[in-house]
Amino acid sequence: MKKNMLLIAVATLISFGLISAQPNKPKRPMFQNMGRIFSQLNLTADQQKQINDIMYNQRQKAIDLQSSIEKNRLELQRMIRNNNIDDAKILSLVDDNSKLQAQLKSERVKSWLAVYKILTPEQRETWTKAFGKLGSEIGFMRNKAHMLRKFGIGQKWW
């Protein structure tokens, strides 16, 4: 019975993880608005180059981290599909993915801070206002979606 419950719990976690990490998922609003935000900053050529380098390096790290996350998910799927339930291995893979996702978020913040440091005081004001507004919009959308699901509206079926 415990093994069945663990199997169901792991299958649910994997399903949720796979749904939330679809490769053809639309880009986040933050990245869609990035070009508009940069155009408002009136960047110098040197700043543009530095920001491009920051974004390139962040994207490279993100690709590596996302690849590791996907490999762990694939291993979890294989274990479940083959009914090879190893509690320690499953928990280890889930813990690894949690750490990798935290690293991914940390790298995004580091990139944001690196861009912030190369901006002039006027540009920093525009930069923080743009992301503050964007952050509140994203937070609103998440909270709205959560409330709708709570009351059974727009229910996800997975």
C-alpha atoms as a PDB file:
ATOM      1  CA  MET A   1       0.000   0.000   0.000  1.00  0.00           C
ATOM      2  CA  LYS A   2       2.816   2.416   0.916  1.00  0.00           C
ATOM      3  CA  LYS A   3       4.574   1.588  -2.332  1.00  0.00           C
ATOM      4  CA  ASN A   4       1.416   2.353  -4.330  1.00  0.00           C
ATOM      5  CA  MET A   5       0.951   5.681  -2.540  1.00  0.00           C
ATOM      6  CA  LEU A   6       4.588   6.575  -3.186  1.00  0.00           C
ATOM      7  CA  LEU A   7       4.185   5.590  -6.831  1.00  0.00           C
ATOM      8  CA  ILE A   8       1.103   7.805  -7.185  1.00  0.00           C
ATOM      9  CA  ALA A   9       2.827  10.721  -5.435  1.00  0.00           C
ATOM     10  CA  VAL A  10       5.932  10.458  -7.615  1.00  0.00           C
ATOM     11  CA  ALA A  11       3.870  10.089 -10.794  1.00  0.00           C
ATOM     12  CA  THR A  12       1.925  13.225  -9.854  1.00  0.00           C
ATOM     13  CA  LEU A  13       5.136  15.160  -9.176  1.00  0.00           C
ATOM     14  CA  ILE A  14       6.650  14.056 -12.456  1.00  0.00           C
ATOM     15  CA  SER A  15       3.493  14.889 -14.392  1.00  0.00           C
ATOM     16  CA  PHE A  16       3.369  18.343 -12.853  1.00  0.00           C
ATOM     17  CA  GLY A  17       7.055  18.859 -13.594  1.00  0.00           C
ATOM     18  CA  LEU A  18       6.708  17.741 -17.184  1.00  0.00           C
ATOM     19  CA  ILE A  19       3.689  19.946 -17.804  1.00  0.00           C
ATOM     20  CA  SER A  20       5.389  22.996 -16.318  1.00  0.00           C
ATOM     21  CA  ALA A  21       8.582  22.442 -18.324  1.00  0.00           C
ATOM     22  CA  GLN A  22       7.247  21.923 -21.822  1.00  0.00           C
ATOM     23  CA  PRO A  23       9.904  22.937 -24.380  1.00  0.00           C
ATOM     24  CA  ASN A  24       7.403  24.752 -26.630  1.00  0.00           C
ATOM     25  CA  LYS A  25       5.973  26.749 -23.752  1.00  0.00           C
ATOM     26  CA  PRO A  26       5.490  30.428 -24.620  1.00  0.00           C
ATOM     27  CA  LYS A  27       8.174  32.772 -23.367  1.00  0.00           C
ATOM     28  CA  ARG A  28       7.605  34.501 -20.092  1.00  0.00           C
ATOM     29  CA  PRO A  29       6.273  38.046 -20.225  1.00  0.00           C
ATOM     30  CA  MET A  30       9.530  39.290 -18.693  1.00  0.00           C
ATOM     31  CA  PHE A  31      11.519  38.158 -21.718  1.00  0.00           C
ATOM     32  CA  GLN A  32       8.907  39.401 -24.180  1.00  0.00           C
ATOM     33  CA  ASN A  33       9.201  42.878 -22.693  1.00  0.00           C
ATOM     34  CA  MET A  34      13.003  42.851 -22.384  1.00  0.00           C
ATOM     35  CA  GLY A  35      13.607  44.577 -25.732  1.00  0.00           C
ATOM     36  CA  ARG A  36      11.129  47.313 -24.874  1.00  0.00           C
ATOM     37  CA  ILE A  37      12.755  47.854 -21.484  1.00  0.00           C
ATOM     38  CA  PHE A  38      16.239  48.037 -22.998  1.00  0.00           C
ATOM     39  CA  SER A  39      15.079  50.556 -25.603  1.00  0.00           C
ATOM     40  CA  GLN A  40      13.771  52.794 -22.793  1.00  0.00           C
ATOM     41  CA  LEU A  41      17.206  52.782 -21.143  1.00  0.00           C
ATOM     42  CA  ASN A  42      19.046  54.505 -24.040  1.00  0.00           C
ATOM     43  CA  LEU A  43      22.061  52.258 -23.559  1.00  0.00           C
ATOM     44  CA  THR A  44      25.523  53.144 -24.799  1.00  0.00           C
ATOM     45  CA  ALA A  45      27.271  50.745 -27.178  1.00  0.00           C
ATOM     46  CA  ASP A  46      29.505  49.559 -24.328  1.00  0.00           C
ATOM     47  CA  GLN A  47      26.504  48.924 -22.053  1.00  0.00           C
ATOM     48  CA  GLN A  48      24.736  47.024 -24.832  1.00  0.00           C
ATOM     49  CA  LYS A  49      27.773  44.781 -25.283  1.00  0.00           C
ATOM     50  CA  GLN A  50      28.088  44.160 -21.546  1.00  0.00           C
ATOM     51  CA  ILE A  51      24.383  43.340 -21.228  1.00  0.00           C
ATOM     52  CA  ASN A  52      24.508  41.024 -24.246  1.00  0.00           C
ATOM     53  CA  ASP A  53      27.430  39.194 -22.620  1.00  0.00           C
ATOM     54  CA  ILE A  54      25.579  38.943 -19.306  1.00  0.00           C
ATOM     55  CA  MET A  55      22.457  37.590 -20.990  1.00  0.00           C
ATOM     56  CA  TYR A  56      24.467  35.153 -23.117  1.00  0.00           C
ATOM     57  CA  ASN A  57      26.302  33.764 -20.084  1.00  0.00           C
ATOM     58  CA  GLN A  58      23.080  33.501 -18.077  1.00  0.00           C
ATOM     59  CA  ARG A  59      21.356  31.677 -20.929  1.00  0.00           C
ATOM     60  CA  GLN A  60      24.253  29.215 -21.246  1.00  0.00           C
ATOM     61  CA  LYS A  61      24.038  28.407 -17.533  1.00  0.00           C
ATOM     62  CA  ALA A  62      20.252  28.120 -17.761  1.00  0.00           C
ATOM     63  CA  ILE A  63      20.502  25.649 -20.641  1.00  0.00           C
ATOM     64  CA  ASP A  64      22.908  23.456 -18.645  1.00  0.00           C
ATOM     65  CA  LEU A  65      20.718  23.547 -15.537  1.00  0.00           C
ATOM     66  CA  GLN A  66      17.517  22.866 -17.497  1.00  0.00           C
ATOM     67  CA  SER A  67      19.221  19.975 -19.247  1.00  0.00           C
ATOM     68  CA  SER A  68      20.166  18.411 -15.909  1.00  0.00           C
ATOM     69  CA  ILE A  69      16.610  18.865 -14.640  1.00  0.00           C
ATOM     70  CA  GLU A  70      15.208  17.158 -17.752  1.00  0.00           C
ATOM     71  CA  LYS A  71      17.671  14.265 -17.437  1.00  0.00           C
ATOM     72  CA  ASN A  72      16.576  13.704 -13.840  1.00  0.00           C
ATOM     73  CA  ARG A  73      12.915  13.775 -14.890  1.00  0.00           C
ATOM     74  CA  LEU A  74      13.633  11.286 -17.637  1.00  0.00           C
ATOM     75  CA  GLU A  75      15.315   8.961 -15.138  1.00  0.00           C
ATOM     76  CA  LEU A  76      12.305   9.249 -12.809  1.00  0.00           C
ATOM     77  CA  GLN A  77       9.976   8.382 -15.680  1.00  0.00           C
ATOM     78  CA  ARG A  78      12.028   5.335 -16.579  1.00  0.00           C
ATOM     79  CA  MET A  79      12.070   4.105 -12.994  1.00  0.00           C
ATOM     80  CA  ILE A  80       8.295   4.381 -12.738  1.00  0.00           C
ATOM     81  CA  ARG A  81       7.631   2.927 -16.184  1.00  0.00           C
ATOM     82  CA  ASN A  82       9.815  -0.097 -15.313  1.00  0.00           C
ATOM     83  CA  ASN A  83       8.239  -0.355 -11.855  1.00  0.00           C
ATOM     84  CA  ASN A  84      11.727   0.020 -10.411  1.00  0.00           C
ATOM     85  CA  ILE A  85      10.756   2.001  -7.329  1.00  0.00           C
ATOM     86  CA  ASP A  86      13.829   2.881  -5.290  1.00  0.00           C
ATOM     87  CA  ASP A  87      12.804   5.290  -2.529  1.00  0.00           C
ATOM     88  CA  ALA A  88      16.298   6.669  -1.965  1.00  0.00           C
ATOM     89  CA  LYS A  89      16.986   7.195  -5.674  1.00  0.00           C
ATOM     90  CA  ILE A  90      13.624   8.897  -6.281  1.00  0.00           C
ATOM     91  CA  LEU A  91      14.046  11.219  -3.321  1.00  0.00           C
ATOM     92  CA  SER A  92      17.609  11.976  -4.399  1.00  0.00           C
ATOM     93  CA  LEU A  93      16.497  12.895  -7.923  1.00  0.00           C
ATOM     94  CA  VAL A  94      13.666  15.078  -6.608  1.00  0.00           C
ATOM     95  CA  ASP A  95      16.059  16.822  -4.194  1.00  0.00           C
ATOM     96  CA  ASP A  96      18.590  17.336  -6.993  1.00  0.00           C
ATOM     97  CA  ASN A  97      15.927  18.941  -9.175  1.00  0.00           C
ATOM     98  CA  SER A  98      14.883  21.255  -6.357  1.00  0.00           C
ATOM     99  CA  LYS A  99      18.482  22.397  -5.954  1.00  0.00           C
ATOM    100  CA  LEU A 100      18.909  22.840  -9.712  1.00  0.00           C
ATOM    101  CA  GLN A 101      15.722  24.927  -9.923  1.00  0.00           C
ATOM    102  CA  ALA A 102      16.973  27.088  -7.048  1.00  0.00           C
ATOM    103  CA  GLN A 103      20.273  27.558  -8.899  1.00  0.00           C
ATOM    104  CA  LEU A 104      18.361  28.556 -12.019  1.00  0.00           C
ATOM    105  CA  LYS A 105      16.465  31.241 -10.116  1.00  0.00           C
ATOM    106  CA  SER A 106      19.650  32.423  -8.440  1.00  0.00           C
ATOM    107  CA  GLU A 107      21.384  32.799 -11.817  1.00  0.00           C
ATOM    108  CA  ARG A 108      18.485  34.929 -13.082  1.00  0.00           C
ATOM    109  CA  VAL A 109      18.791  37.221 -10.075  1.00  0.00           C
ATOM    110  CA  LYS A 110      22.576  37.441 -10.484  1.00  0.00           C
ATOM    111  CA  SER A 111      22.081  38.493 -14.108  1.00  0.00           C
ATOM    112  CA  TRP A 112      19.530  41.133 -13.115  1.00  0.00           C
ATOM    113  CA  LEU A 113      21.967  42.500 -10.520  1.00  0.00           C
ATOM    114  CA  ALA A 114      24.872  42.457 -12.988  1.00  0.00           C
ATOM    115  CA  VAL A 115      22.837  44.536 -15.463  1.00  0.00           C
ATOM    116  CA  TYR A 116      21.780  46.877 -12.670  1.00  0.00           C
ATOM    117  CA  LYS A 117      25.424  47.531 -11.728  1.00  0.00           C
ATOM    118  CA  ILE A 118      26.413  48.772 -15.197  1.00  0.00           C
ATOM    119  CA  LEU A 119      23.531  51.235 -15.488  1.00  0.00           C
ATOM    120  CA  THR A 120      23.622  54.947 -14.664  1.00  0.00           C
ATOM    121  CA  PRO A 121      21.440  56.165 -11.767  1.00  0.00           C
ATOM    122  CA  GLU A 122      18.762  57.367 -14.223  1.00  0.00           C
ATOM    123  CA  GLN A 123      18.806  54.074 -16.087  1.00  0.00           C
ATOM    124  CA  ARG A 124      18.592  52.159 -12.789  1.00  0.00           C
ATOM    125  CA  GLU A 125      15.393  54.002 -11.940  1.00  0.00           C
ATOM    126  CA  THR A 126      13.828  52.994 -15.274  1.00  0.00           C
ATOM    127  CA  TRP A 127      15.140  49.427 -14.881  1.00  0.00           C
ATOM    128  CA  THR A 128      13.733  48.911 -11.387  1.00  0.00           C
ATOM    129  CA  LYS A 129      10.394  50.553 -12.213  1.00  0.00           C
ATOM    130  CA  ALA A 130       9.964  48.346 -15.272  1.00  0.00           C
ATOM    131  CA  PHE A 131      10.699  45.158 -13.344  1.00  0.00           C
ATOM    132  CA  GLY A 132       8.692  46.245 -10.315  1.00  0.00           C
ATOM    133  CA  LYS A 133       5.643  46.757 -12.498  1.00  0.00           C
ATOM    134  CA  LEU A 134       6.272  43.520 -14.344  1.00  0.00           C
ATOM    135  CA  GLY A 135       6.712  41.621 -11.075  1.00  0.00           C
ATOM    136  CA  SER A 136       3.408  42.884  -9.724  1.00  0.00           C
ATOM    137  CA  GLU A 137       1.633  41.959 -12.966  1.00  0.00           C
ATOM    138  CA  ILE A 138       3.057  38.440 -12.873  1.00  0.00           C
ATOM    139  CA  GLY A 139       2.177  38.105  -9.186  1.00  0.00           C
ATOM    140  CA  PHE A 140      -1.371  39.251  -9.906  1.00  0.00           C
ATOM    141  CA  MET A 141      -1.748  36.748 -12.739  1.00  0.00           C
ATOM    142  CA  ARG A 142      -0.450  33.884 -10.570  1.00  0.00           C
ATOM    143  CA  ASN A 143      -2.727  34.818  -7.672  1.00  0.00           C
ATOM    144  CA  LYS A 144      -5.706  35.175  -9.995  1.00  0.00           C
ATOM    145  CA  ALA A 145      -5.036  31.759 -11.565  1.00  0.00           C
ATOM    146  CA  HIS A 146      -4.639  30.198  -8.120  1.00  0.00           C
ATOM    147  CA  MET A 147      -7.931  31.652  -6.898  1.00  0.00           C
ATOM    148  CA  LEU A 148      -9.759  30.548 -10.037  1.00  0.00           C
ATOM    149  CA  ARG A 149      -8.464  26.981  -9.643  1.00  0.00           C
ATOM    150  CA  LYS A 150      -9.350  27.053  -5.951  1.00  0.00           C
ATOM    151  CA  PHE A 151     -12.968  27.639  -6.880  1.00  0.00           C
ATOM    152  CA  GLY A 152     -12.914  25.115  -9.724  1.00  0.00           C
ATOM    153  CA  ILE A 153     -12.774  27.653 -12.558  1.00  0.00           C
ATOM    154  CA  GLY A 154     -10.180  26.951 -15.224  1.00  0.00           C
ATOM    155  CA  GLN A 155      -9.275  23.685 -13.534  1.00  0.00           C
ATOM    156  CA  LYS A 156      -6.176  21.967 -14.864  1.00  0.00           C
ATOM    157  CA  TRP A 157      -6.594  18.272 -15.539  1.00  0.00           C
ATOM    158  CA  TRP A 158      -3.356  16.355 -15.512  1.00  0.00           C
END
